[in-house]
Amino acid sequence: MEASNWAYVTAAYAVTWVLVLGYMAYARRALQRARAEYRRVTGHEPGEGDAV
């Protein structure tokens, strides 16, 4: 009985990491799209010449 519990724990651990890594990839792509849109609209990189 205990051995089958470890199978569920291992599966949950694997699913958790798949979700975490998938979200990180999604967030990275979203950030890249946002930066590209910012460059398109403003004509320069974020942080360039923004200091006051």
N, C-alpha and C. Protein backbone atom coordinates (compact mmCIF):
# COMPACT_ATOMS: atom_id res chain seq x y z
N MET A 1 0.82 -1.20 0.00
CA MET A 1 0.00 0.00 0.00
C MET A 1 0.86 1.26 0.00
N GLU A 2 1.93 1.27 0.80
CA GLU A 2 2.80 2.43 0.87
C GLU A 2 3.51 2.69 -0.45
N ALA A 3 3.86 1.67 -1.16
CA ALA A 3 4.57 1.83 -2.43
C ALA A 3 3.69 2.57 -3.44
N SER A 4 2.42 2.30 -3.45
CA SER A 4 1.54 2.99 -4.39
C SER A 4 1.40 4.47 -4.04
N ASN A 5 1.51 4.81 -2.77
CA ASN A 5 1.46 6.22 -2.38
C ASN A 5 2.65 6.98 -2.94
N TRP A 6 3.82 6.36 -2.96
CA TRP A 6 5.00 7.02 -3.50
C TRP A 6 4.85 7.25 -5.00
N ALA A 7 4.13 6.39 -5.68
CA ALA A 7 3.89 6.59 -7.11
C ALA A 7 3.07 7.87 -7.31
N TYR A 8 2.08 8.09 -6.48
CA TYR A 8 1.27 9.32 -6.58
C TYR A 8 2.09 10.55 -6.22
N VAL A 9 2.92 10.44 -5.21
CA VAL A 9 3.77 11.56 -4.82
C VAL A 9 4.73 11.91 -5.96
N THR A 10 5.34 10.91 -6.56
CA THR A 10 6.26 11.13 -7.67
C THR A 10 5.54 11.74 -8.86
N ALA A 11 4.36 11.24 -9.17
CA ALA A 11 3.58 11.78 -10.29
C ALA A 11 3.19 13.23 -10.02
N ALA A 12 2.78 13.54 -8.81
CA ALA A 12 2.40 14.92 -8.47
C ALA A 12 3.62 15.84 -8.56
N TYR A 13 4.77 15.37 -8.13
CA TYR A 13 6.00 16.15 -8.21
C TYR A 13 6.34 16.43 -9.67
N ALA A 14 6.25 15.43 -10.51
CA ALA A 14 6.55 15.60 -11.94
C ALA A 14 5.56 16.56 -12.59
N VAL A 15 4.28 16.42 -12.30
CA VAL A 15 3.27 17.31 -12.87
C VAL A 15 3.51 18.74 -12.42
N THR A 16 3.86 18.92 -11.17
CA THR A 16 4.13 20.26 -10.64
C THR A 16 5.27 20.92 -11.39
N TRP A 17 6.36 20.17 -11.61
CA TRP A 17 7.50 20.75 -12.33
C TRP A 17 7.17 21.03 -13.78
N VAL A 18 6.38 20.20 -14.40
CA VAL A 18 5.96 20.46 -15.78
C VAL A 18 5.16 21.76 -15.84
N LEU A 19 4.26 21.96 -14.90
CA LEU A 19 3.47 23.19 -14.85
C LEU A 19 4.34 24.41 -14.58
N VAL A 20 5.26 24.31 -13.65
CA VAL A 20 6.13 25.43 -13.31
C VAL A 20 6.99 25.81 -14.52
N LEU A 21 7.61 24.83 -15.15
CA LEU A 21 8.46 25.11 -16.30
C LEU A 21 7.65 25.63 -17.48
N GLY A 22 6.46 25.10 -17.67
CA GLY A 22 5.58 25.58 -18.73
C GLY A 22 5.19 27.02 -18.51
N TYR A 23 4.87 27.38 -17.27
CA TYR A 23 4.51 28.76 -16.97
C TYR A 23 5.71 29.70 -17.18
N MET A 24 6.90 29.24 -16.80
CA MET A 24 8.09 30.07 -17.00
C MET A 24 8.33 30.33 -18.49
N ALA A 25 8.13 29.31 -19.31
CA ALA A 25 8.29 29.49 -20.76
C ALA A 25 7.24 30.45 -21.29
N TYR A 26 6.01 30.32 -20.84
CA TYR A 26 4.93 31.21 -21.25
C TYR A 26 5.25 32.66 -20.85
N ALA A 27 5.70 32.86 -19.62
CA ALA A 27 6.01 34.20 -19.13
C ALA A 27 7.17 34.80 -19.92
N ARG A 28 8.16 34.00 -20.26
CA ARG A 28 9.29 34.51 -21.03
C ARG A 28 8.84 34.97 -22.42
N ARG A 29 7.99 34.18 -23.07
CA ARG A 29 7.48 34.56 -24.39
C ARG A 29 6.64 35.83 -24.29
N ALA A 30 5.83 35.94 -23.25
CA ALA A 30 5.01 37.14 -23.07
C ALA A 30 5.89 38.37 -22.86
N LEU A 31 6.95 38.23 -22.10
CA LEU A 31 7.87 39.35 -21.87
C LEU A 31 8.57 39.74 -23.16
N GLN A 32 8.98 38.76 -23.95
CA GLN A 32 9.61 39.07 -25.24
C GLN A 32 8.64 39.82 -26.16
N ARG A 33 7.38 39.38 -26.18
CA ARG A 33 6.39 40.07 -27.02
C ARG A 33 6.17 41.50 -26.52
N ALA A 34 6.12 41.68 -25.21
CA ALA A 34 5.91 43.02 -24.65
C ALA A 34 7.09 43.93 -24.97
N ARG A 35 8.31 43.41 -24.88
CA ARG A 35 9.49 44.23 -25.21
C ARG A 35 9.50 44.59 -26.68
N ALA A 36 9.15 43.64 -27.54
CA ALA A 36 9.11 43.92 -28.98
C ALA A 36 8.07 44.99 -29.28
N GLU A 37 6.93 44.91 -28.64
CA GLU A 37 5.88 45.92 -28.84
C GLU A 37 6.34 47.28 -28.33
N TYR A 38 7.03 47.31 -27.20
CA TYR A 38 7.55 48.56 -26.66
C TYR A 38 8.54 49.18 -27.62
N ARG A 39 9.47 48.34 -28.17
CA ARG A 39 10.43 48.85 -29.14
C ARG A 39 9.72 49.38 -30.39
N ARG A 40 8.69 48.69 -30.84
CA ARG A 40 7.96 49.11 -32.02
C ARG A 40 7.29 50.46 -31.80
N VAL A 41 6.70 50.64 -30.63
CA VAL A 41 5.95 51.87 -30.35
C VAL A 41 6.88 53.04 -30.07
N THR A 42 7.92 52.82 -29.28
CA THR A 42 8.76 53.93 -28.84
C THR A 42 10.01 54.12 -29.69
N GLY A 43 10.47 53.08 -30.33
CA GLY A 43 11.68 53.18 -31.14
C GLY A 43 12.96 52.98 -30.36
N HIS A 44 12.87 52.61 -29.10
CA HIS A 44 14.09 52.33 -28.35
C HIS A 44 13.83 51.26 -27.30
N GLU A 45 14.93 50.78 -26.69
CA GLU A 45 14.86 49.72 -25.70
C GLU A 45 14.31 50.26 -24.38
N PRO A 46 13.65 49.38 -23.61
CA PRO A 46 13.22 49.81 -22.26
C PRO A 46 14.44 50.21 -21.43
N GLY A 47 14.35 51.34 -20.74
CA GLY A 47 15.44 51.79 -19.88
C GLY A 47 16.40 52.75 -20.55
N GLU A 48 16.34 52.87 -21.88
CA GLU A 48 17.24 53.79 -22.59
C GLU A 48 16.71 55.22 -22.50
N GLY A 49 17.46 56.10 -21.87
CA GLY A 49 17.08 57.49 -21.85
C GLY A 49 15.84 57.81 -21.04
N ASP A 50 15.42 56.90 -20.18
CA ASP A 50 14.22 57.13 -19.38
C ASP A 50 14.52 57.82 -18.06
N ALA A 51 15.82 57.93 -17.71
CA ALA A 51 16.18 58.51 -16.42
C ALA A 51 15.88 60.01 -16.42
N VAL A 52 15.40 60.47 -15.28
CA VAL A 52 15.07 61.88 -15.16
C VAL A 52 16.02 62.54 -14.20
